[in-house]
PDB file of N, CA and C in Angstrom:
ATOM      1  N   MET A   1      24.163 -33.410  49.700  1.00  0.00           N
ATOM      2  CA  MET A   1      24.684 -32.640  48.585  1.00  0.00           C
ATOM      3  C   MET A   1      24.272 -33.304  47.275  1.00  0.00           C
ATOM      4  N   ASN A   2      23.857 -32.482  46.312  1.00  0.00           N
ATOM      5  CA  ASN A   2      23.469 -33.002  45.003  1.00  0.00           C
ATOM      6  C   ASN A   2      24.717 -33.044  44.111  1.00  0.00           C
ATOM      7  N   TYR A   3      25.288 -34.230  43.961  1.00  0.00           N
ATOM      8  CA  TYR A   3      26.514 -34.390  43.196  1.00  0.00           C
ATOM      9  C   TYR A   3      26.302 -34.193  41.698  1.00  0.00           C
ATOM     10  N   TYR A   4      25.101 -34.430  41.235  1.00  0.00           N
ATOM     11  CA  TYR A   4      24.818 -34.211  39.816  1.00  0.00           C
ATOM     12  C   TYR A   4      24.948 -32.729  39.455  1.00  0.00           C
ATOM     13  N   ILE A   5      24.345 -31.879  40.260  1.00  0.00           N
ATOM     14  CA  ILE A   5      24.413 -30.431  40.003  1.00  0.00           C
ATOM     15  C   ILE A   5      25.863 -29.965  40.089  1.00  0.00           C
ATOM     16  N   LEU A   6      26.601 -30.442  41.071  1.00  0.00           N
ATOM     17  CA  LEU A   6      28.014 -30.086  41.207  1.00  0.00           C
ATOM     18  C   LEU A   6      28.803 -30.525  39.976  1.00  0.00           C
ATOM     19  N   THR A   7      28.568 -31.732  39.517  1.00  0.00           N
ATOM     20  CA  THR A   7      29.287 -32.258  38.355  1.00  0.00           C
ATOM     21  C   THR A   7      28.952 -31.457  37.101  1.00  0.00           C
ATOM     22  N   TYR A   8      27.673 -31.193  36.878  1.00  0.00           N
ATOM     23  CA  TYR A   8      27.273 -30.402  35.714  1.00  0.00           C
ATOM     24  C   TYR A   8      27.902 -29.012  35.757  1.00  0.00           C
ATOM     25  N   THR A   9      27.847 -28.380  36.909  1.00  0.00           N
ATOM     26  CA  THR A   9      28.382 -27.027  37.049  1.00  0.00           C
ATOM     27  C   THR A   9      29.885 -27.006  36.784  1.00  0.00           C
ATOM     28  N   LEU A  10      30.614 -27.907  37.412  1.00  0.00           N
ATOM     29  CA  LEU A  10      32.061 -27.961  37.197  1.00  0.00           C
ATOM     30  C   LEU A  10      32.394 -28.278  35.745  1.00  0.00           C
ATOM     31  N   TYR A  11      31.648 -29.185  35.152  1.00  0.00           N
ATOM     32  CA  TYR A  11      31.889 -29.563  33.758  1.00  0.00           C
ATOM     33  C   TYR A  11      31.714 -28.369  32.831  1.00  0.00           C
ATOM     34  N   VAL A  12      30.615 -27.647  32.981  1.00  0.00           N
ATOM     35  CA  VAL A  12      30.354 -26.503  32.108  1.00  0.00           C
ATOM     36  C   VAL A  12      31.401 -25.410  32.322  1.00  0.00           C
ATOM     37  N   VAL A  13      31.693 -25.082  33.562  1.00  0.00           N
ATOM     38  CA  VAL A  13      32.658 -24.020  33.846  1.00  0.00           C
ATOM     39  C   VAL A  13      34.058 -24.400  33.336  1.00  0.00           C
ATOM     40  N   LEU A  14      34.502 -25.610  33.634  1.00  0.00           N
ATOM     41  CA  LEU A  14      35.837 -26.030  33.216  1.00  0.00           C
ATOM     42  C   LEU A  14      35.940 -26.167  31.697  1.00  0.00           C
ATOM     43  N   THR A  15      34.923 -26.699  31.072  1.00  0.00           N
ATOM     44  CA  THR A  15      34.949 -26.884  29.624  1.00  0.00           C
ATOM     45  C   THR A  15      34.942 -25.547  28.890  1.00  0.00           C
ATOM     46  N   ILE A  16      34.086 -24.645  29.310  1.00  0.00           N
ATOM     47  CA  ILE A  16      34.043 -23.337  28.660  1.00  0.00           C
ATOM     48  C   ILE A  16      35.337 -22.573  28.929  1.00  0.00           C
ATOM     49  N   GLY A  17      35.841 -22.625  30.156  1.00  0.00           N
ATOM     50  CA  GLY A  17      37.109 -21.969  30.463  1.00  0.00           C
ATOM     51  C   GLY A  17      38.258 -22.511  29.627  1.00  0.00           C
ATOM     52  N   LEU A  18      38.330 -23.814  29.508  1.00  0.00           N
ATOM     53  CA  LEU A  18      39.378 -24.445  28.705  1.00  0.00           C
ATOM     54  C   LEU A  18      39.235 -24.077  27.233  1.00  0.00           C
ATOM     55  N   THR A  19      38.015 -24.089  26.733  1.00  0.00           N
ATOM     56  CA  THR A  19      37.771 -23.735  25.333  1.00  0.00           C
ATOM     57  C   THR A  19      38.164 -22.290  25.054  1.00  0.00           C
ATOM     58  N   VAL A  20      37.807 -21.381  25.935  1.00  0.00           N
ATOM     59  CA  VAL A  20      38.155 -19.969  25.759  1.00  0.00           C
ATOM     60  C   VAL A  20      39.672 -19.786  25.785  1.00  0.00           C
ATOM     61  N   TRP A  21      40.346 -20.455  26.714  1.00  0.00           N
ATOM     62  CA  TRP A  21      41.805 -20.330  26.806  1.00  0.00           C
ATOM     63  C   TRP A  21      42.485 -20.842  25.534  1.00  0.00           C
ATOM     64  N   VAL A  22      42.089 -22.025  25.082  1.00  0.00           N
ATOM     65  CA  VAL A  22      42.694 -22.591  23.873  1.00  0.00           C
ATOM     66  C   VAL A  22      42.367 -21.721  22.665  1.00  0.00           C
ATOM     67  N   ALA A  23      41.124 -21.289  22.540  1.00  0.00           N
ATOM     68  CA  ALA A  23      40.720 -20.465  21.397  1.00  0.00           C
ATOM     69  C   ALA A  23      41.513 -19.167  21.344  1.00  0.00           C
ATOM     70  N   ASN A  24      41.664 -18.499  22.471  1.00  0.00           N
ATOM     71  CA  ASN A  24      42.419 -17.243  22.494  1.00  0.00           C
ATOM     72  C   ASN A  24      43.895 -17.461  22.176  1.00  0.00           C
ATOM     73  N   THR A  25      44.450 -18.562  22.659  1.00  0.00           N
ATOM     74  CA  THR A  25      45.848 -18.874  22.354  1.00  0.00           C
ATOM     75  C   THR A  25      46.024 -19.107  20.855  1.00  0.00           C
ATOM     76  N   LEU A  26      45.134 -19.893  20.266  1.00  0.00           N
ATOM     77  CA  LEU A  26      45.210 -20.140  18.821  1.00  0.00           C
ATOM     78  C   LEU A  26      44.963 -18.866  18.032  1.00  0.00           C
ATOM     79  N   PHE A  27      44.041 -18.041  18.480  1.00  0.00           N
ATOM     80  CA  PHE A  27      43.712 -16.792  17.797  1.00  0.00           C
ATOM     81  C   PHE A  27      44.924 -15.863  17.752  1.00  0.00           C
ATOM     82  N   LYS A  28      45.589 -15.703  18.891  1.00  0.00           N
ATOM     83  CA  LYS A  28      46.744 -14.804  18.953  1.00  0.00           C
ATOM     84  C   LYS A  28      47.935 -15.346  18.169  1.00  0.00           C
ATOM     85  N   ASN A  29      48.216 -16.632  18.312  1.00  0.00           N
ATOM     86  CA  ASN A  29      49.418 -17.194  17.716  1.00  0.00           C
ATOM     87  C   ASN A  29      49.222 -17.674  16.284  1.00  0.00           C
ATOM     88  N   GLY A  30      47.986 -17.846  15.841  1.00  0.00           N
ATOM     89  CA  GLY A  30      47.735 -18.300  14.482  1.00  0.00           C
ATOM     90  C   GLY A  30      47.708 -17.181  13.462  1.00  0.00           C
ATOM     91  N   ARG A  31      47.619 -15.960  13.916  1.00  0.00           N
ATOM     92  CA  ARG A  31      47.516 -14.813  13.013  1.00  0.00           C
ATOM     93  C   ARG A  31      48.693 -14.741  12.051  1.00  0.00           C
ATOM     94  N   ILE A  32      49.885 -14.950  12.555  1.00  0.00           N
ATOM     95  CA  ILE A  32      51.077 -14.816  11.714  1.00  0.00           C
ATOM     96  C   ILE A  32      51.061 -15.818  10.555  1.00  0.00           C
ATOM     97  N   PHE A  33      50.544 -17.012  10.800  1.00  0.00           N
ATOM     98  CA  PHE A  33      50.433 -18.010   9.731  1.00  0.00           C
ATOM     99  C   PHE A  33      49.434 -17.554   8.672  1.00  0.00           C
ATOM    100  N   LEU A  34      48.319 -17.001   9.130  1.00  0.00           N
ATOM    101  CA  LEU A  34      47.304 -16.556   8.188  1.00  0.00           C
ATOM    102  C   LEU A  34      47.796 -15.372   7.359  1.00  0.00           C
ATOM    103  N   VAL A  35      48.510 -14.453   7.978  1.00  0.00           N
ATOM    104  CA  VAL A  35      49.077 -13.327   7.223  1.00  0.00           C
ATOM    105  C   VAL A  35      50.027 -13.848   6.153  1.00  0.00           C
ATOM    106  N   ASP A  36      50.834 -14.839   6.501  1.00  0.00           N
ATOM    107  CA  ASP A  36      51.758 -15.431   5.533  1.00  0.00           C
ATOM    108  C   ASP A  36      50.995 -16.144   4.421  1.00  0.00           C
ATOM    109  N   ILE A  37      49.974 -16.898   4.767  1.00  0.00           N
ATOM    110  CA  ILE A  37      49.184 -17.632   3.773  1.00  0.00           C
ATOM    111  C   ILE A  37      48.513 -16.673   2.796  1.00  0.00           C
ATOM    112  N   PHE A  38      48.038 -15.542   3.315  1.00  0.00           N
ATOM    113  CA  PHE A  38      47.339 -14.573   2.479  1.00  0.00           C
ATOM    114  C   PHE A  38      48.264 -13.484   1.955  1.00  0.00           C
ATOM    115  N   HIS A  39      49.550 -13.798   1.839  1.00  0.00           N
ATOM    116  CA  HIS A  39      50.553 -12.923   1.204  1.00  0.00           C
ATOM    117  C   HIS A  39      50.586 -11.517   1.800  1.00  0.00           C
ATOM    118  N   GLY A  40      50.513 -11.439   3.126  1.00  0.00           N
ATOM    119  CA  GLY A  40      50.626 -10.159   3.812  1.00  0.00           C
ATOM    120  C   GLY A  40      49.334  -9.369   3.920  1.00  0.00           C
ATOM    121  N   ASP A  41      48.246  -9.881   3.426  1.00  0.00           N
ATOM    122  CA  ASP A  41      46.958  -9.181   3.516  1.00  0.00           C
ATOM    123  C   ASP A  41      46.424  -9.339   4.939  1.00  0.00           C
ATOM    124  N   GLU A  42      46.779  -8.374   5.788  1.00  0.00           N
ATOM    125  CA  GLU A  42      46.440  -8.472   7.209  1.00  0.00           C
ATOM    126  C   GLU A  42      44.941  -8.396   7.464  1.00  0.00           C
ATOM    127  N   ALA A  43      44.242  -7.591   6.693  1.00  0.00           N
ATOM    128  CA  ALA A  43      42.793  -7.468   6.899  1.00  0.00           C
ATOM    129  C   ALA A  43      42.108  -8.807   6.625  1.00  0.00           C
ATOM    130  N   LEU A  44      42.480  -9.455   5.533  1.00  0.00           N
ATOM    131  CA  LEU A  44      41.896 -10.751   5.204  1.00  0.00           C
ATOM    132  C   LEU A  44      42.273 -11.790   6.260  1.00  0.00           C
ATOM    133  N   ALA A  45      43.532 -11.795   6.657  1.00  0.00           N
ATOM    134  CA  ALA A  45      44.000 -12.750   7.670  1.00  0.00           C
ATOM    135  C   ALA A  45      43.254 -12.551   8.991  1.00  0.00           C
ATOM    136  N   ASP A  46      43.076 -11.302   9.392  1.00  0.00           N
ATOM    137  CA  ASP A  46      42.379 -11.026  10.652  1.00  0.00           C
ATOM    138  C   ASP A  46      40.919 -11.459  10.596  1.00  0.00           C
ATOM    139  N   ASN A  47      40.266 -11.226   9.468  1.00  0.00           N
ATOM    140  CA  ASN A  47      38.863 -11.629   9.345  1.00  0.00           C
ATOM    141  C   ASN A  47      38.716 -13.145   9.299  1.00  0.00           C
ATOM    142  N   VAL A  48      39.600 -13.829   8.592  1.00  0.00           N
ATOM    143  CA  VAL A  48      39.564 -15.291   8.576  1.00  0.00           C
ATOM    144  C   VAL A  48      39.839 -15.826   9.980  1.00  0.00           C
ATOM    145  N   ASN A  49      40.779 -15.208  10.686  1.00  0.00           N
ATOM    146  CA  ASN A  49      41.109 -15.625  12.048  1.00  0.00           C
ATOM    147  C   ASN A  49      39.893 -15.490  12.962  1.00  0.00           C
ATOM    148  N   LYS A  50      39.120 -14.424  12.808  1.00  0.00           N
ATOM    149  CA  LYS A  50      37.909 -14.239  13.615  1.00  0.00           C
ATOM    150  C   LYS A  50      36.868 -15.297  13.288  1.00  0.00           C
ATOM    151  N   LEU A  51      36.742 -15.607  11.998  1.00  0.00           N
ATOM    152  CA  LEU A  51      35.788 -16.653  11.606  1.00  0.00           C
ATOM    153  C   LEU A  51      36.198 -18.010  12.171  1.00  0.00           C
ATOM    154  N   LEU A  52      37.489 -18.301  12.152  1.00  0.00           N
ATOM    155  CA  LEU A  52      37.980 -19.551  12.742  1.00  0.00           C
ATOM    156  C   LEU A  52      37.703 -19.594  14.239  1.00  0.00           C
ATOM    157  N   LEU A  53      37.855 -18.457  14.910  1.00  0.00           N
ATOM    158  CA  LEU A  53      37.598 -18.373  16.347  1.00  0.00           C
ATOM    159  C   LEU A  53      36.128 -18.680  16.650  1.00  0.00           C
ATOM    160  N   VAL A  54      35.229 -18.081  15.889  1.00  0.00           N
ATOM    161  CA  VAL A  54      33.798 -18.322  16.096  1.00  0.00           C
ATOM    162  C   VAL A  54      33.468 -19.788  15.844  1.00  0.00           C
ATOM    163  N   GLY A  55      34.001 -20.346  14.769  1.00  0.00           N
ATOM    164  CA  GLY A  55      33.774 -21.758  14.472  1.00  0.00           C
ATOM    165  C   GLY A  55      34.302 -22.666  15.561  1.00  0.00           C
ATOM    166  N   PHE A  56      35.472 -22.326  16.092  1.00  0.00           N
ATOM    167  CA  PHE A  56      36.072 -23.105  17.171  1.00  0.00           C
ATOM    168  C   PHE A  56      35.162 -23.107  18.397  1.00  0.00           C
ATOM    169  N   TYR A  57      34.653 -21.928  18.756  1.00  0.00           N
ATOM    170  CA  TYR A  57      33.732 -21.829  19.895  1.00  0.00           C
ATOM    171  C   TYR A  57      32.463 -22.655  19.640  1.00  0.00           C
ATOM    172  N   LEU A  58      31.894 -22.505  18.470  1.00  0.00           N
ATOM    173  CA  LEU A  58      30.648 -23.213  18.173  1.00  0.00           C
ATOM    174  C   LEU A  58      30.824 -24.724  18.242  1.00  0.00           C
ATOM    175  N   ILE A  59      31.895 -25.221  17.659  1.00  0.00           N
ATOM    176  CA  ILE A  59      32.108 -26.671  17.655  1.00  0.00           C
ATOM    177  C   ILE A  59      32.367 -27.187  19.065  1.00  0.00           C
ATOM    178  N   ASN A  60      33.253 -26.552  19.792  1.00  0.00           N
ATOM    179  CA  ASN A  60      33.643 -27.080  21.098  1.00  0.00           C
ATOM    180  C   ASN A  60      32.589 -26.881  22.169  1.00  0.00           C
ATOM    181  N   ILE A  61      32.004 -25.718  22.232  1.00  0.00           N
ATOM    182  CA  ILE A  61      30.958 -25.505  23.231  1.00  0.00           C
ATOM    183  C   ILE A  61      29.715 -26.304  22.850  1.00  0.00           C
ATOM    184  N   GLY A  62      29.425 -26.383  21.555  1.00  0.00           N
ATOM    185  CA  GLY A  62      28.309 -27.204  21.101  1.00  0.00           C
ATOM    186  C   GLY A  62      28.493 -28.665  21.481  1.00  0.00           C
ATOM    187  N   TYR A  63      29.697 -29.188  21.277  1.00  0.00           N
ATOM    188  CA  TYR A  63      29.964 -30.578  21.643  1.00  0.00           C
ATOM    189  C   TYR A  63      29.864 -30.777  23.155  1.00  0.00           C
ATOM    190  N   ALA A  64      30.375 -29.820  23.915  1.00  0.00           N
ATOM    191  CA  ALA A  64      30.311 -29.923  25.374  1.00  0.00           C
ATOM    192  C   ALA A  64      28.868 -29.959  25.861  1.00  0.00           C
ATOM    193  N   VAL A  65      28.036 -29.121  25.287  1.00  0.00           N
ATOM    194  CA  VAL A  65      26.617 -29.108  25.675  1.00  0.00           C
ATOM    195  C   VAL A  65      25.920 -30.382  25.196  1.00  0.00           C
ATOM    196  N   PHE A  66      26.262 -30.815  23.984  1.00  0.00           N
ATOM    197  CA  PHE A  66      25.674 -32.027  23.422  1.00  0.00           C
ATOM    198  C   PHE A  66      25.977 -33.251  24.283  1.00  0.00           C
ATOM    199  N   THR A  67      27.151 -33.292  24.882  1.00  0.00           N
ATOM    200  CA  THR A  67      27.561 -34.442  25.702  1.00  0.00           C
ATOM    201  C   THR A  67      27.387 -34.170  27.189  1.00  0.00           C
ATOM    202  N   LEU A  68      26.542 -33.234  27.532  1.00  0.00           N
ATOM    203  CA  LEU A  68      26.356 -32.861  28.936  1.00  0.00           C
ATOM    204  C   LEU A  68      25.789 -33.990  29.784  1.00  0.00           C
ATOM    205  N   LYS A  69      24.938 -34.815  29.209  1.00  0.00           N
ATOM    206  CA  LYS A  69      24.273 -35.866  29.968  1.00  0.00           C
ATOM    207  C   LYS A  69      25.288 -36.796  30.624  1.00  0.00           C
ATOM    208  N   ILE A  70      25.029 -37.087  31.878  1.00  0.00           N
ATOM    209  CA  ILE A  70      25.888 -37.991  32.644  1.00  0.00           C
ATOM    210  C   ILE A  70      25.270 -39.381  32.617  1.00  0.00           C
ATOM    211  N   LEU A  71      26.078 -40.331  32.180  1.00  0.00           N
ATOM    212  CA  LEU A  71      25.636 -41.723  32.187  1.00  0.00           C
ATOM    213  C   LEU A  71      26.180 -42.381  33.455  1.00  0.00           C
ATOM    214  N   GLY A  72      25.356 -43.064  34.164  1.00  0.00           N
ATOM    215  CA  GLY A  72      25.777 -43.674  35.419  1.00  0.00           C
ATOM    216  C   GLY A  72      25.376 -42.813  36.599  1.00  0.00           C
ATOM    217  N   SER A  73      25.743 -43.270  37.779  1.00  0.00           N
ATOM    218  CA  SER A  73      25.350 -42.535  38.985  1.00  0.00           C
ATOM    219  C   SER A  73      26.532 -41.742  39.521  1.00  0.00           C
ATOM    220  N   VAL A  74      26.205 -40.575  40.055  1.00  0.00           N
ATOM    221  CA  VAL A  74      27.202 -39.702  40.672  1.00  0.00           C
ATOM    222  C   VAL A  74      26.710 -39.420  42.086  1.00  0.00           C
ATOM    223  N   THR A  75      27.145 -40.259  43.020  1.00  0.00           N
ATOM    224  CA  THR A  75      26.630 -40.142  44.388  1.00  0.00           C
ATOM    225  C   THR A  75      27.721 -39.863  45.417  1.00  0.00           C
ATOM    226  N   THR A  76      28.975 -39.762  44.940  1.00  0.00           N
ATOM    227  CA  THR A  76      30.085 -39.483  45.866  1.00  0.00           C
ATOM    228  C   THR A  76      31.026 -38.477  45.215  1.00  0.00           C
ATOM    229  N   ALA A  77      31.894 -37.903  46.026  1.00  0.00           N
ATOM    230  CA  ALA A  77      32.903 -36.983  45.500  1.00  0.00           C
ATOM    231  C   ALA A  77      33.828 -37.710  44.526  1.00  0.00           C
ATOM    232  N   GLN A  78      34.123 -38.959  44.811  1.00  0.00           N
ATOM    233  CA  GLN A  78      34.962 -39.753  43.908  1.00  0.00           C
ATOM    234  C   GLN A  78      34.293 -39.888  42.541  1.00  0.00           C
ATOM    235  N   ALA A  79      32.998 -40.136  42.511  1.00  0.00           N
ATOM    236  CA  ALA A  79      32.265 -40.267  41.251  1.00  0.00           C
ATOM    237  C   ALA A  79      32.262 -38.943  40.478  1.00  0.00           C
ATOM    238  N   VAL A  80      32.202 -37.814  41.196  1.00  0.00           N
ATOM    239  CA  VAL A  80      32.275 -36.499  40.545  1.00  0.00           C
ATOM    240  C   VAL A  80      33.595 -36.370  39.808  1.00  0.00           C
ATOM    241  N   ILE A  81      34.692 -36.675  40.498  1.00  0.00           N
ATOM    242  CA  ILE A  81      36.022 -36.547  39.900  1.00  0.00           C
ATOM    243  C   ILE A  81      36.185 -37.505  38.723  1.00  0.00           C
ATOM    244  N   GLU A  82      35.741 -38.724  38.875  1.00  0.00           N
ATOM    245  CA  GLU A  82      35.865 -39.706  37.794  1.00  0.00           C
ATOM    246  C   GLU A  82      35.030 -39.317  36.583  1.00  0.00           C
ATOM    247  N   THR A  83      33.829 -38.844  36.812  1.00  0.00           N
ATOM    248  CA  THR A  83      32.965 -38.425  35.710  1.00  0.00           C
ATOM    249  C   THR A  83      33.558 -37.219  34.991  1.00  0.00           C
ATOM    250  N   LEU A  84      34.029 -36.252  35.770  1.00  0.00           N
ATOM    251  CA  LEU A  84      34.645 -35.070  35.161  1.00  0.00           C
ATOM    252  C   LEU A  84      35.906 -35.426  34.382  1.00  0.00           C
ATOM    253  N   SER A  85      36.696 -36.361  34.887  1.00  0.00           N
ATOM    254  CA  SER A  85      37.928 -36.721  34.185  1.00  0.00           C
ATOM    255  C   SER A  85      37.623 -37.334  32.818  1.00  0.00           C
ATOM    256  N   VAL A  86      36.600 -38.149  32.736  1.00  0.00           N
ATOM    257  CA  VAL A  86      36.228 -38.757  31.456  1.00  0.00           C
ATOM    258  C   VAL A  86      35.673 -37.692  30.507  1.00  0.00           C
ATOM    259  N   LYS A  87      34.776 -36.867  30.999  1.00  0.00           N
ATOM    260  CA  LYS A  87      34.123 -35.878  30.140  1.00  0.00           C
ATOM    261  C   LYS A  87      35.090 -34.785  29.704  1.00  0.00           C
ATOM    262  N   ILE A  88      35.865 -34.250  30.621  1.00  0.00           N
ATOM    263  CA  ILE A  88      36.813 -33.189  30.272  1.00  0.00           C
ATOM    264  C   ILE A  88      37.988 -33.767  29.476  1.00  0.00           C
ATOM    265  N   GLY A  89      38.380 -34.986  29.783  1.00  0.00           N
ATOM    266  CA  GLY A  89      39.419 -35.643  28.986  1.00  0.00           C
ATOM    267  C   GLY A  89      38.996 -35.764  27.535  1.00  0.00           C
ATOM    268  N   GLY A  90      37.739 -36.079  27.297  1.00  0.00           N
ATOM    269  CA  GLY A  90      37.219 -36.148  25.929  1.00  0.00           C
ATOM    270  C   GLY A  90      37.297 -34.799  25.234  1.00  0.00           C
ATOM    271  N   ILE A  91      36.925 -33.750  25.951  1.00  0.00           N
ATOM    272  CA  ILE A  91      36.995 -32.397  25.385  1.00  0.00           C
ATOM    273  C   ILE A  91      38.439 -32.032  25.067  1.00  0.00           C
ATOM    274  N   ILE A  92      39.354 -32.351  25.963  1.00  0.00           N
ATOM    275  CA  ILE A  92      40.772 -32.035  25.738  1.00  0.00           C
ATOM    276  C   ILE A  92      41.290 -32.775  24.505  1.00  0.00           C
ATOM    277  N   LEU A  93      40.914 -34.031  24.341  1.00  0.00           N
ATOM    278  CA  LEU A  93      41.339 -34.783  23.157  1.00  0.00           C
ATOM    279  C   LEU A  93      40.777 -34.153  21.882  1.00  0.00           C
ATOM    280  N   ILE A  94      39.545 -33.706  21.922  1.00  0.00           N
ATOM    281  CA  ILE A  94      38.957 -33.060  20.753  1.00  0.00           C
ATOM    282  C   ILE A  94      39.664 -31.737  20.461  1.00  0.00           C
ATOM    283  N   LEU A  95      39.924 -30.945  21.505  1.00  0.00           N
ATOM    284  CA  LEU A  95      40.649 -29.685  21.306  1.00  0.00           C
ATOM    285  C   LEU A  95      42.027 -29.943  20.701  1.00  0.00           C
ATOM    286  N   GLY A  96      42.721 -30.952  21.218  1.00  0.00           N
ATOM    287  CA  GLY A  96      44.040 -31.296  20.681  1.00  0.00           C
ATOM    288  C   GLY A  96      43.955 -31.758  19.244  1.00  0.00           C
ATOM    289  N   GLY A  97      42.961 -32.582  18.938  1.00  0.00           N
ATOM    290  CA  GLY A  97      42.782 -33.044  17.564  1.00  0.00           C
ATOM    291  C   GLY A  97      42.481 -31.900  16.613  1.00  0.00           C
ATOM    292  N   MET A  98      41.626 -30.982  17.042  1.00  0.00           N
ATOM    293  CA  MET A  98      41.321 -29.816  16.208  1.00  0.00           C
ATOM    294  C   MET A  98      42.551 -28.944  16.018  1.00  0.00           C
ATOM    295  N   HIS A  99      43.350 -28.820  17.055  1.00  0.00           N
ATOM    296  CA  HIS A  99      44.574 -28.020  16.966  1.00  0.00           C
ATOM    297  C   HIS A  99      45.517 -28.606  15.917  1.00  0.00           C
ATOM    298  N   PHE A 100      45.751 -29.908  15.978  1.00  0.00           N
ATOM    299  CA  PHE A 100      46.658 -30.521  15.015  1.00  0.00           C
ATOM    300  C   PHE A 100      46.077 -30.496  13.603  1.00  0.00           C
ATOM    301  N   PHE A 101      44.769 -30.648  13.473  1.00  0.00           N
ATOM    302  CA  PHE A 101      44.150 -30.533  12.160  1.00  0.00           C
ATOM    303  C   PHE A 101      44.338 -29.127  11.594  1.00  0.00           C
ATOM    304  N   ASN A 102      44.115 -28.106  12.433  1.00  0.00           N
ATOM    305  CA  ASN A 102      44.320 -26.722  12.000  1.00  0.00           C
ATOM    306  C   ASN A 102      45.766 -26.478  11.600  1.00  0.00           C
ATOM    307  N   LEU A 103      46.706 -26.995  12.387  1.00  0.00           N
ATOM    308  CA  LEU A 103      48.118 -26.840  12.026  1.00  0.00           C
ATOM    309  C   LEU A 103      48.407 -27.489  10.679  1.00  0.00           C
ATOM    310  N   PHE A 104      47.878 -28.676  10.465  1.00  0.00           N
ATOM    311  CA  PHE A 104      48.065 -29.373   9.192  1.00  0.00           C
ATOM    312  C   PHE A 104      47.541 -28.522   8.042  1.00  0.00           C
ATOM    313  N   VAL A 105      46.335 -27.990   8.190  1.00  0.00           N
ATOM    314  CA  VAL A 105      45.744 -27.167   7.139  1.00  0.00           C
ATOM    315  C   VAL A 105      46.567 -25.898   6.926  1.00  0.00           C
ATOM    316  N   PHE A 106      46.962 -25.234   8.010  1.00  0.00           N
ATOM    317  CA  PHE A 106      47.753 -24.013   7.882  1.00  0.00           C
ATOM    318  C   PHE A 106      49.082 -24.279   7.175  1.00  0.00           C
ATOM    319  N   PHE A 107      49.769 -25.335   7.539  1.00  0.00           N
ATOM    320  CA  PHE A 107      51.051 -25.627   6.908  1.00  0.00           C
ATOM    321  C   PHE A 107      50.888 -26.017   5.445  1.00  0.00           C
ATOM    322  N   ARG A 108      49.810 -26.722   5.115  1.00  0.00           N
ATOM    323  CA  ARG A 108      49.548 -27.046   3.705  1.00  0.00           C
ATOM    324  C   ARG A 108      49.269 -25.764   2.912  1.00  0.00           C
ATOM    325  N   LEU A 109      48.452 -24.885   3.483  1.00  0.00           N
ATOM    326  CA  LEU A 109      48.156 -23.627   2.811  1.00  0.00           C
ATOM    327  C   LEU A 109      49.405 -22.756   2.693  1.00  0.00           C
ATOM    328  N   ARG A 110      50.203 -22.749   3.731  1.00  0.00           N
ATOM    329  CA  ARG A 110      51.436 -21.954   3.723  1.00  0.00           C
ATOM    330  C   ARG A 110      52.403 -22.473   2.665  1.00  0.00           C
ATOM    331  N   THR A 111      52.537 -23.786   2.571  1.00  0.00           N
ATOM    332  CA  THR A 111      53.412 -24.375   1.562  1.00  0.00           C
ATOM    333  C   THR A 111      52.915 -24.026   0.164  1.00  0.00           C
ATOM    334  N   ARG A 112      51.617 -24.128  -0.038  1.00  0.00           N
ATOM    335  CA  ARG A 112      51.053 -23.790  -1.346  1.00  0.00           C
ATOM    336  C   ARG A 112      51.257 -22.312  -1.662  1.00  0.00           C
ATOM    337  N   ALA A 113      51.079 -21.447  -0.658  1.00  0.00           N
ATOM    338  CA  ALA A 113      51.271 -20.014  -0.872  1.00  0.00           C
ATOM    339  C   ALA A 113      52.713 -19.719  -1.227  1.00  0.00           C
ATOM    340  N   LYS A 114      53.654 -20.358  -0.557  1.00  0.00           N
ATOM    341  CA  LYS A 114      55.066 -20.129  -0.855  1.00  0.00           C
ATOM    342  C   LYS A 114      55.408 -20.646  -2.248  1.00  0.00           C
ATOM    343  N   ASN A 115      54.845 -21.763  -2.650  1.00  0.00           N
ATOM    344  CA  ASN A 115      55.073 -22.282  -4.001  1.00  0.00           C
ATOM    345  C   ASN A 115      54.515 -21.347  -5.061  1.00  0.00           C
ATOM    346  N   GLU A 116      53.362 -20.750  -4.796  1.00  0.00           N
ATOM    347  CA  GLU A 116      52.785 -19.797  -5.728  1.00  0.00           C
ATOM    348  C   GLU A 116      53.671 -18.573  -5.890  1.00  0.00           C
ATOM    349  N   VAL A 117      54.250 -18.104  -4.788  1.00  0.00           N
ATOM    350  CA  VAL A 117      55.133 -16.948  -4.843  1.00  0.00           C
ATOM    351  C   VAL A 117      56.386 -17.292  -5.641  1.00  0.00           C
ATOM    352  N   GLN A 118      56.923 -18.484  -5.456  1.00  0.00           N
ATOM    353  CA  GLN A 118      58.142 -18.891  -6.159  1.00  0.00           C
ATOM    354  C   GLN A 118      57.887 -19.052  -7.651  1.00  0.00           C
ATOM    355  N   THR A 119      56.724 -19.546  -8.033  1.00  0.00           N
ATOM    356  CA  THR A 119      56.442 -19.757  -9.452  1.00  0.00           C
ATOM    357  C   THR A 119      56.145 -18.468 -10.177  1.00  0.00           C
ATOM    358  N   THR A 120      55.671 -17.450  -9.450  1.00  0.00           N
ATOM    359  CA  THR A 120      55.393 -16.158 -10.088  1.00  0.00           C
ATOM    360  C   THR A 120      56.607 -15.234 -10.072  1.00  0.00           C
ATOM    361  N   ALA A 121      57.617 -15.596  -9.306  1.00  0.00           N
ATOM    362  CA  ALA A 121      58.802 -14.725  -9.197  1.00  0.00           C
ATOM    363  C   ALA A 121      59.799 -14.987 -10.304  1.00  0.00           C
TER     364      ALA A 121
END
């Protein structure tokens, strides 16, 4: 059995699946924040949300492909699991970091938007 091909295949499938799941979750649940930030302008919020989704896909799938190369030997099932855990663990940490960064930006924008509404009222 070619463990390299198995590892590459599992890595690509799991990474893309995880990225799609996280992206769709953020896309659905982040809309309400964007609508609030843009003072109820749903069209603008929806378009910004789509742009964020595309950017999220490009960054995460791009990074996954960029780091596709396996360093070391993969000659056993144990090595497949260990290699995948390191590579997918890295992707998960990046997804989590991007999520918290996005939350930080959204909350800063939301706070600024609410302050603008209060100062104009």
